[in-house]
Amino acid sequence: MSLPMTAFMYLAKLQDGSDTSFQIRQSYQTEENSFNYRIVYKLGNDPRRFIDLFEDHIVLFKSDLIDAVSTHTKDDGESVLEQLLWDFLPKETKRRLAMFQTRGGYQRGPLTADDRKKITSQIHLFDLRRLYYIRYGAVDQSRLSRLHEKCCRPLLGQSRDEREYYFAAEEAVLKPGSYLQYVYAIFNLQKYFSQSFAPWLPESLAMDEMAEYFEIELCRLNRDRRFWQEEERTDSLHHHLTRYLIMFFDYTPARRSFLADFTRTFMAGHRTFRWPERKLSRPPEKVSEIFATPYEELKTMPREQLNRLYRQKAMGLHPDRGGDHDLFIELTEIYNELLRTKQE
């Protein structure tokens, strides 16, 4: 079996009334350059049934589960299962594993031109609105363009199903009292209202009128083919969207101060977000001198090119080759600092 170029796995939690079950699913890229998902393994209502404990902390997964996962990935099947079933592992096992591995496989470092192209083509406007609220707590979405692109990186290469489980986990940090303003923000309901406070204080608007517009936007999203990618659609409301119905109608919004919200919104509107720039321990002139390369060029130089330049300079300065010991140490320190600036 040839594996797809993009093949991520995730744990899906399915709720049917009071019954809960779990499935291991996989996002994959289709021939139409969209994304869909397949079911890799059905775990039933208790994934712990597929875990055997050895010597109180070593976990052994059932062989048929390992085989199913290994068939759909080039990575080690047991390592993949440790990530997927982390919440079901014994406490002592998680403590020991945490000492030797970094959980979460999202790419780090600067965004590439290919990353930006994928963000434009793959990330739906509704996803951007949710990220904007979750990251910044902003009800007013008029400055959505200020959302930093790195916030979108974890969503790349995901099917709609995987992405909705991602957002459900992110939304778990929200307090029930903020559900109304969250739904109001992500469905962009403020466009229907002209009151001066409408962008940030939905609690003061007419609930029946707001509910009418919410239903319009919810149905529109439910019919949006681009949003659902390759997933088959029906005429009924998709189960991933029912949580927003519950958020909107079943919870009472927290009481908020008009003045406090106005002040917070005003300050946020005049605040510009920038990632802090790392500063080197040496002045730019010294950095340029030791690398024999302009400092501005070093700042924008790709990591691979910087590695080659460092190796060339290190060979000439290495003490074993008759070079200057102190300059070699300084070159290495500056090189490591430059590398850290390229990992943000």
Protein backbone atom coordinates (compact mmCIF):
# COMPACT_ATOMS: atom_id res chain seq x y z
CA MET A 1 0.00 0.00 0.00
CA SER A 2 1.42 3.38 -0.99
CA LEU A 3 0.95 5.94 1.75
CA PRO A 4 -0.38 9.42 0.90
CA MET A 5 2.03 12.34 1.12
CA THR A 6 -0.05 13.92 3.89
CA ALA A 7 -1.27 11.36 6.45
CA PHE A 8 -2.05 12.56 9.97
CA MET A 9 -3.85 10.50 12.59
CA TYR A 10 -6.07 11.72 15.41
CA LEU A 11 -8.46 10.37 18.02
CA ALA A 12 -12.14 11.03 17.33
CA LYS A 13 -14.60 11.03 20.23
CA LEU A 14 -18.13 10.20 19.10
CA GLN A 15 -21.14 11.03 21.25
CA ASP A 16 -24.50 9.34 20.68
CA GLY A 17 -26.77 10.44 23.50
CA SER A 18 -25.17 9.14 26.68
CA ASP A 19 -22.97 6.65 24.78
CA THR A 20 -19.38 7.60 23.97
CA SER A 21 -17.07 5.75 21.60
CA PHE A 22 -13.64 6.39 20.12
CA GLN A 23 -12.07 5.89 16.72
CA ILE A 24 -8.58 6.40 15.36
CA ARG A 25 -8.95 8.36 12.15
CA GLN A 26 -6.56 9.67 9.53
CA SER A 27 -6.62 12.79 7.40
CA TYR A 28 -5.33 12.35 3.86
CA GLN A 29 -4.99 14.44 0.73
CA THR A 30 -7.34 13.57 -2.11
CA GLU A 31 -6.70 13.67 -5.84
CA GLU A 32 -8.58 17.00 -5.92
CA ASN A 33 -5.96 18.51 -3.52
CA SER A 34 -8.55 18.65 -0.77
CA PHE A 35 -8.65 16.60 2.44
CA ASN A 36 -10.85 13.84 3.76
CA TYR A 37 -10.55 11.23 6.49
CA ARG A 38 -10.64 7.46 6.85
CA ILE A 39 -11.34 5.27 9.88
CA VAL A 40 -8.19 3.40 10.87
CA TYR A 41 -9.51 1.54 13.92
CA LYS A 42 -12.68 1.47 16.01
CA LEU A 43 -11.77 1.44 19.71
CA GLY A 44 -15.26 1.20 21.12
CA ASN A 45 -16.18 2.92 24.38
CA ASP A 46 -12.99 2.09 26.32
CA PRO A 47 -9.60 2.44 24.58
CA ARG A 48 -7.93 1.02 27.71
CA ARG A 49 -9.04 -2.44 26.55
CA PHE A 50 -6.30 -2.28 23.94
CA ILE A 51 -3.54 -1.50 26.46
CA ASP A 52 -1.74 -4.11 28.55
CA LEU A 53 0.40 -3.00 31.48
CA PHE A 54 3.79 -4.62 32.10
CA GLU A 55 5.83 -4.01 35.28
CA ASP A 56 3.43 -1.26 36.44
CA HIS A 57 4.47 1.32 33.85
CA ILE A 58 5.36 -0.26 30.49
CA VAL A 59 2.39 -0.31 28.10
CA LEU A 60 1.93 -2.92 25.39
CA PHE A 61 -0.71 -2.27 22.75
CA LYS A 62 -2.75 -5.06 21.21
CA SER A 63 -1.03 -6.45 18.13
CA ASP A 64 -4.00 -5.98 15.79
CA LEU A 65 -4.23 -2.31 16.79
CA ILE A 66 -0.50 -1.81 16.13
CA ASP A 67 -0.84 -3.55 12.76
CA ALA A 68 -3.78 -1.35 11.74
CA VAL A 69 -1.97 1.86 12.64
CA SER A 70 1.36 0.74 11.13
CA THR A 71 -0.38 0.01 7.83
CA HIS A 72 -1.37 3.67 7.52
CA THR A 73 1.84 5.41 8.60
CA LYS A 74 5.57 5.30 7.93
CA ASP A 75 6.24 6.13 11.59
CA ASP A 76 6.60 3.62 14.40
CA GLY A 77 3.11 2.34 15.23
CA GLU A 78 3.67 2.15 18.99
CA SER A 79 4.98 5.72 19.14
CA VAL A 80 1.95 6.95 17.20
CA LEU A 81 -0.37 5.13 19.62
CA GLU A 82 1.41 6.63 22.63
CA GLN A 83 0.53 10.06 21.23
CA LEU A 84 -3.06 9.22 20.26
CA LEU A 85 -3.98 7.40 23.48
CA TRP A 86 -1.96 9.59 25.83
CA ASP A 87 -4.97 10.45 28.01
CA PHE A 88 -5.66 6.75 28.59
CA LEU A 89 -2.14 5.78 29.65
CA PRO A 90 -1.35 5.16 33.34
CA LYS A 91 -0.01 8.17 35.23
CA GLU A 92 3.39 6.59 35.87
CA THR A 93 3.76 5.67 32.20
CA LYS A 94 3.05 9.25 31.12
CA ARG A 95 5.54 10.59 33.65
CA ARG A 96 8.31 8.35 32.34
CA LEU A 97 7.52 8.95 28.67
CA ALA A 98 7.41 12.71 29.20
CA MET A 99 11.07 12.67 30.23
CA PHE A 100 12.16 11.31 26.86
CA GLN A 101 9.83 12.80 24.29
CA THR A 102 8.26 16.09 23.28
CA ARG A 103 4.56 15.66 22.61
CA GLY A 104 2.90 17.55 19.79
CA GLY A 105 4.39 17.39 16.30
CA TYR A 106 3.65 20.82 14.90
CA GLN A 107 6.39 22.37 12.85
CA ARG A 108 8.36 25.20 14.37
CA GLY A 109 10.44 27.97 12.85
CA PRO A 110 9.62 30.69 10.32
CA LEU A 111 6.78 30.25 7.87
CA THR A 112 7.87 29.36 4.36
CA ALA A 113 6.34 30.65 1.14
CA ASP A 114 4.75 27.21 0.73
CA ASP A 115 3.23 27.47 4.25
CA ARG A 116 1.64 30.81 3.40
CA LYS A 117 0.27 29.45 0.14
CA LYS A 118 -1.28 26.50 1.98
CA ILE A 119 -2.78 28.77 4.63
CA THR A 120 -4.48 30.83 1.91
CA SER A 121 -5.86 27.76 0.12
CA GLN A 122 -6.71 25.50 3.08
CA ILE A 123 -7.89 27.72 5.96
CA HIS A 124 -11.54 28.76 5.84
CA LEU A 125 -12.68 32.18 7.05
CA PHE A 126 -14.72 30.51 9.82
CA ASP A 127 -11.54 28.83 11.08
CA LEU A 128 -9.74 32.18 11.12
CA ARG A 129 -12.52 33.77 13.18
CA ARG A 130 -12.39 30.97 15.73
CA LEU A 131 -8.61 31.22 16.02
CA TYR A 132 -8.83 34.98 16.40
CA TYR A 133 -11.25 34.75 19.32
CA ILE A 134 -9.52 31.83 21.04
CA ARG A 135 -6.05 33.39 20.77
CA TYR A 136 -6.96 37.04 21.50
CA GLY A 137 -10.42 36.91 23.11
CA ALA A 138 -11.66 39.46 20.56
CA VAL A 139 -15.41 39.72 20.01
CA ASP A 140 -14.88 42.46 17.43
CA GLN A 141 -13.61 40.72 14.28
CA SER A 142 -12.92 43.88 12.29
CA ARG A 143 -9.16 43.42 12.77
CA LEU A 144 -9.13 39.76 11.78
CA SER A 145 -6.29 40.43 9.32
CA ARG A 146 -3.98 40.95 12.33
CA LEU A 147 -4.20 37.26 13.25
CA HIS A 148 -0.64 35.97 13.13
CA GLU A 149 -0.20 33.36 10.40
CA LYS A 150 1.65 31.00 12.74
CA CYS A 151 -1.63 30.42 14.58
CA CYS A 152 -2.89 28.68 11.41
CA ARG A 153 0.00 26.26 11.06
CA PRO A 154 -1.49 23.45 13.24
CA LEU A 155 -4.51 23.30 10.88
CA LEU A 156 -2.55 22.59 7.70
CA GLY A 157 -3.10 19.21 6.09
CA GLN A 158 -6.19 18.40 8.17
CA SER A 159 -9.51 17.05 7.02
CA ARG A 160 -12.56 18.96 8.19
CA ASP A 161 -13.31 16.18 10.67
CA GLU A 162 -9.86 16.37 12.28
CA ARG A 163 -9.99 20.15 12.32
CA GLU A 164 -13.32 20.17 14.17
CA TYR A 165 -11.94 17.89 16.86
CA TYR A 166 -9.00 20.29 17.15
CA PHE A 167 -11.33 23.26 17.66
CA ALA A 168 -13.53 21.35 20.11
CA ALA A 169 -10.44 20.78 22.26
CA GLU A 170 -9.41 24.44 21.96
CA GLU A 171 -12.92 25.63 22.89
CA ALA A 172 -12.77 23.62 26.10
CA VAL A 173 -10.89 26.54 27.71
CA LEU A 174 -13.85 28.90 27.15
CA LYS A 175 -16.14 29.63 30.08
CA PRO A 176 -19.87 29.03 29.54
CA GLY A 177 -20.51 32.70 30.27
CA SER A 178 -18.56 33.64 27.13
CA TYR A 179 -20.29 31.20 24.75
CA LEU A 180 -22.74 33.77 23.43
CA GLN A 181 -20.09 36.31 22.51
CA TYR A 182 -17.93 33.52 21.01
CA VAL A 183 -20.72 32.34 18.70
CA TYR A 184 -21.63 35.96 17.93
CA ALA A 185 -18.01 36.65 16.93
CA ILE A 186 -17.23 33.55 14.86
CA PHE A 187 -20.46 33.75 12.84
CA ASN A 188 -19.85 37.48 12.33
CA LEU A 189 -23.32 38.43 13.53
CA GLN A 190 -22.26 42.01 14.20
CA LYS A 191 -22.68 42.76 10.48
CA TYR A 192 -26.46 42.65 11.02
CA PHE A 193 -26.46 45.35 13.71
CA SER A 194 -25.74 49.07 13.49
CA GLN A 195 -25.64 49.96 17.21
CA SER A 196 -22.36 51.52 18.32
CA PHE A 197 -21.81 48.81 20.94
CA ALA A 198 -22.69 45.92 18.60
CA PRO A 199 -19.07 44.98 17.77
CA TRP A 200 -18.19 44.03 21.35
CA LEU A 201 -21.37 43.78 23.51
CA PRO A 202 -23.81 41.26 21.99
CA GLU A 203 -25.49 40.74 25.38
CA SER A 204 -27.17 44.13 24.95
CA LEU A 205 -28.80 43.20 21.62
CA ALA A 206 -32.25 41.70 21.11
CA MET A 207 -31.86 37.94 21.62
CA ASP A 208 -34.68 36.90 19.27
CA GLU A 209 -33.28 39.04 16.47
CA MET A 210 -29.77 37.71 17.08
CA ALA A 211 -31.09 34.12 17.05
CA GLU A 212 -32.72 34.69 13.66
CA TYR A 213 -29.45 35.86 12.10
CA PHE A 214 -27.51 33.09 13.83
CA GLU A 215 -29.72 30.45 12.22
CA ILE A 216 -29.17 32.05 8.80
CA GLU A 217 -25.38 31.95 9.19
CA LEU A 218 -25.39 28.45 10.68
CA CYS A 219 -27.37 27.08 7.73
CA ARG A 220 -25.13 28.90 5.28
CA LEU A 221 -22.04 27.31 6.83
CA ASN A 222 -23.73 23.90 6.84
CA ARG A 223 -24.18 24.20 3.04
CA ASP A 224 -20.67 25.54 2.35
CA ARG A 225 -18.91 22.94 0.18
CA ARG A 226 -15.49 24.54 0.58
CA PHE A 227 -15.79 24.38 4.36
CA TRP A 228 -16.58 20.63 4.38
CA GLN A 229 -13.92 19.79 1.74
CA GLU A 230 -14.45 16.20 0.52
CA GLU A 231 -16.79 15.12 3.30
CA GLU A 232 -20.19 13.92 2.12
CA ARG A 233 -23.05 16.20 3.10
CA THR A 234 -26.70 15.62 3.99
CA ASP A 235 -29.65 18.00 4.37
CA SER A 236 -29.52 17.83 8.17
CA LEU A 237 -27.28 19.91 10.40
CA HIS A 238 -23.81 18.40 10.65
CA HIS A 239 -23.03 16.95 14.08
CA HIS A 240 -19.89 19.09 14.35
CA LEU A 241 -22.05 22.24 14.28
CA THR A 242 -24.59 21.19 16.91
CA ARG A 243 -22.28 22.36 19.71
CA TYR A 244 -22.76 25.95 18.54
CA LEU A 245 -26.54 25.58 18.81
CA ILE A 246 -26.03 24.42 22.39
CA MET A 247 -23.60 27.27 23.16
CA PHE A 248 -26.01 29.88 21.82
CA PHE A 249 -29.33 28.70 23.26
CA ASP A 250 -28.48 26.69 26.39
CA TYR A 251 -26.16 28.99 28.34
CA THR A 252 -26.67 32.32 30.05
CA PRO A 253 -24.04 34.94 29.17
CA ALA A 254 -21.96 36.38 31.99
CA ARG A 255 -22.79 39.93 33.07
CA ARG A 256 -20.25 42.41 31.80
CA SER A 257 -19.50 46.06 32.40
CA PHE A 258 -20.16 48.29 29.40
CA LEU A 259 -17.39 50.69 30.44
CA ALA A 260 -14.86 47.92 31.07
CA ASP A 261 -15.59 46.33 27.69
CA PHE A 262 -15.40 49.66 25.90
CA THR A 263 -12.02 50.40 27.50
CA ARG A 264 -10.68 46.93 26.69
CA THR A 265 -11.84 47.18 23.07
CA PHE A 266 -10.36 50.66 22.67
CA MET A 267 -6.99 49.55 24.03
CA ALA A 268 -6.94 46.40 21.89
CA GLY A 269 -7.75 48.46 18.81
CA HIS A 270 -4.70 50.66 19.38
CA ARG A 271 -2.32 47.86 20.22
CA THR A 272 -0.10 46.42 17.52
CA PHE A 273 1.04 42.83 17.98
CA ARG A 274 4.62 41.91 17.07
CA TRP A 275 6.69 38.88 17.85
CA PRO A 276 9.64 40.05 20.01
CA GLU A 277 12.90 40.09 18.10
CA ARG A 278 15.74 38.17 19.69
CA LYS A 279 18.81 40.30 20.37
CA LEU A 280 22.32 38.96 19.97
CA SER A 281 24.92 39.32 22.70
CA ARG A 282 27.31 41.08 20.26
CA PRO A 283 26.72 44.25 18.27
CA PRO A 284 25.81 43.81 14.59
CA GLU A 285 29.20 45.15 13.51
CA LYS A 286 31.01 42.38 15.42
CA VAL A 287 28.69 39.72 13.99
CA SER A 288 29.31 40.98 10.44
CA GLU A 289 33.06 41.07 11.05
CA ILE A 290 33.43 37.52 12.37
CA PHE A 291 31.23 36.01 9.62
CA ALA A 292 32.56 38.38 6.91
CA THR A 293 28.92 38.84 5.89
CA PRO A 294 26.56 41.81 6.36
CA TYR A 295 24.43 41.44 9.48
CA GLU A 296 21.13 42.03 7.62
CA GLU A 297 22.02 39.23 5.22
CA LEU A 298 22.74 36.88 8.14
CA LYS A 299 19.33 37.67 9.68
CA THR A 300 17.44 36.64 6.52
CA MET A 301 19.78 33.83 5.48
CA PRO A 302 18.12 30.37 5.32
CA ARG A 303 19.17 27.96 8.03
CA GLU A 304 20.94 25.59 5.60
CA GLN A 305 23.01 28.42 4.11
CA LEU A 306 23.96 29.66 7.59
CA ASN A 307 25.09 26.13 8.49
CA ARG A 308 27.37 26.00 5.45
CA LEU A 309 28.82 29.43 6.21
CA TYR A 310 29.49 28.46 9.83
CA ARG A 311 31.28 25.27 8.82
CA GLN A 312 33.50 27.18 6.41
CA LYS A 313 34.46 29.75 9.05
CA ALA A 314 34.84 27.12 11.78
CA MET A 315 37.32 25.11 9.71
CA GLY A 316 39.56 28.14 9.42
CA LEU A 317 39.34 29.11 13.09
CA HIS A 318 39.42 25.67 14.72
CA PRO A 319 42.37 25.36 17.15
CA ASP A 320 43.27 21.91 15.79
CA ARG A 321 43.88 23.52 12.41
CA GLY A 322 45.99 26.32 13.82
CA GLY A 323 43.13 28.78 14.22
CA ASP A 324 42.32 31.26 16.99
CA HIS A 325 40.69 29.50 19.96
CA ASP A 326 38.89 32.59 21.29
CA LEU A 327 37.51 33.57 17.88
CA PHE A 328 36.35 30.01 17.31
CA ILE A 329 34.40 30.07 20.59
CA GLU A 330 32.90 33.47 19.74
CA LEU A 331 31.94 32.30 16.23
CA THR A 332 30.14 29.28 17.68
CA GLU A 333 28.28 31.33 20.28
CA ILE A 334 27.06 33.84 17.68
CA TYR A 335 26.11 31.00 15.33
CA ASN A 336 23.93 29.38 18.02
CA GLU A 337 22.26 32.71 18.77
CA LEU A 338 21.51 33.25 15.09
CA LEU A 339 20.00 29.76 14.89
CA ARG A 340 17.63 30.52 17.76
CA THR A 341 16.31 33.55 15.91
CA LYS A 342 15.31 31.27 13.03
CA GLN A 343 13.32 28.90 15.27
CA GLU A 344 10.63 31.39 16.27
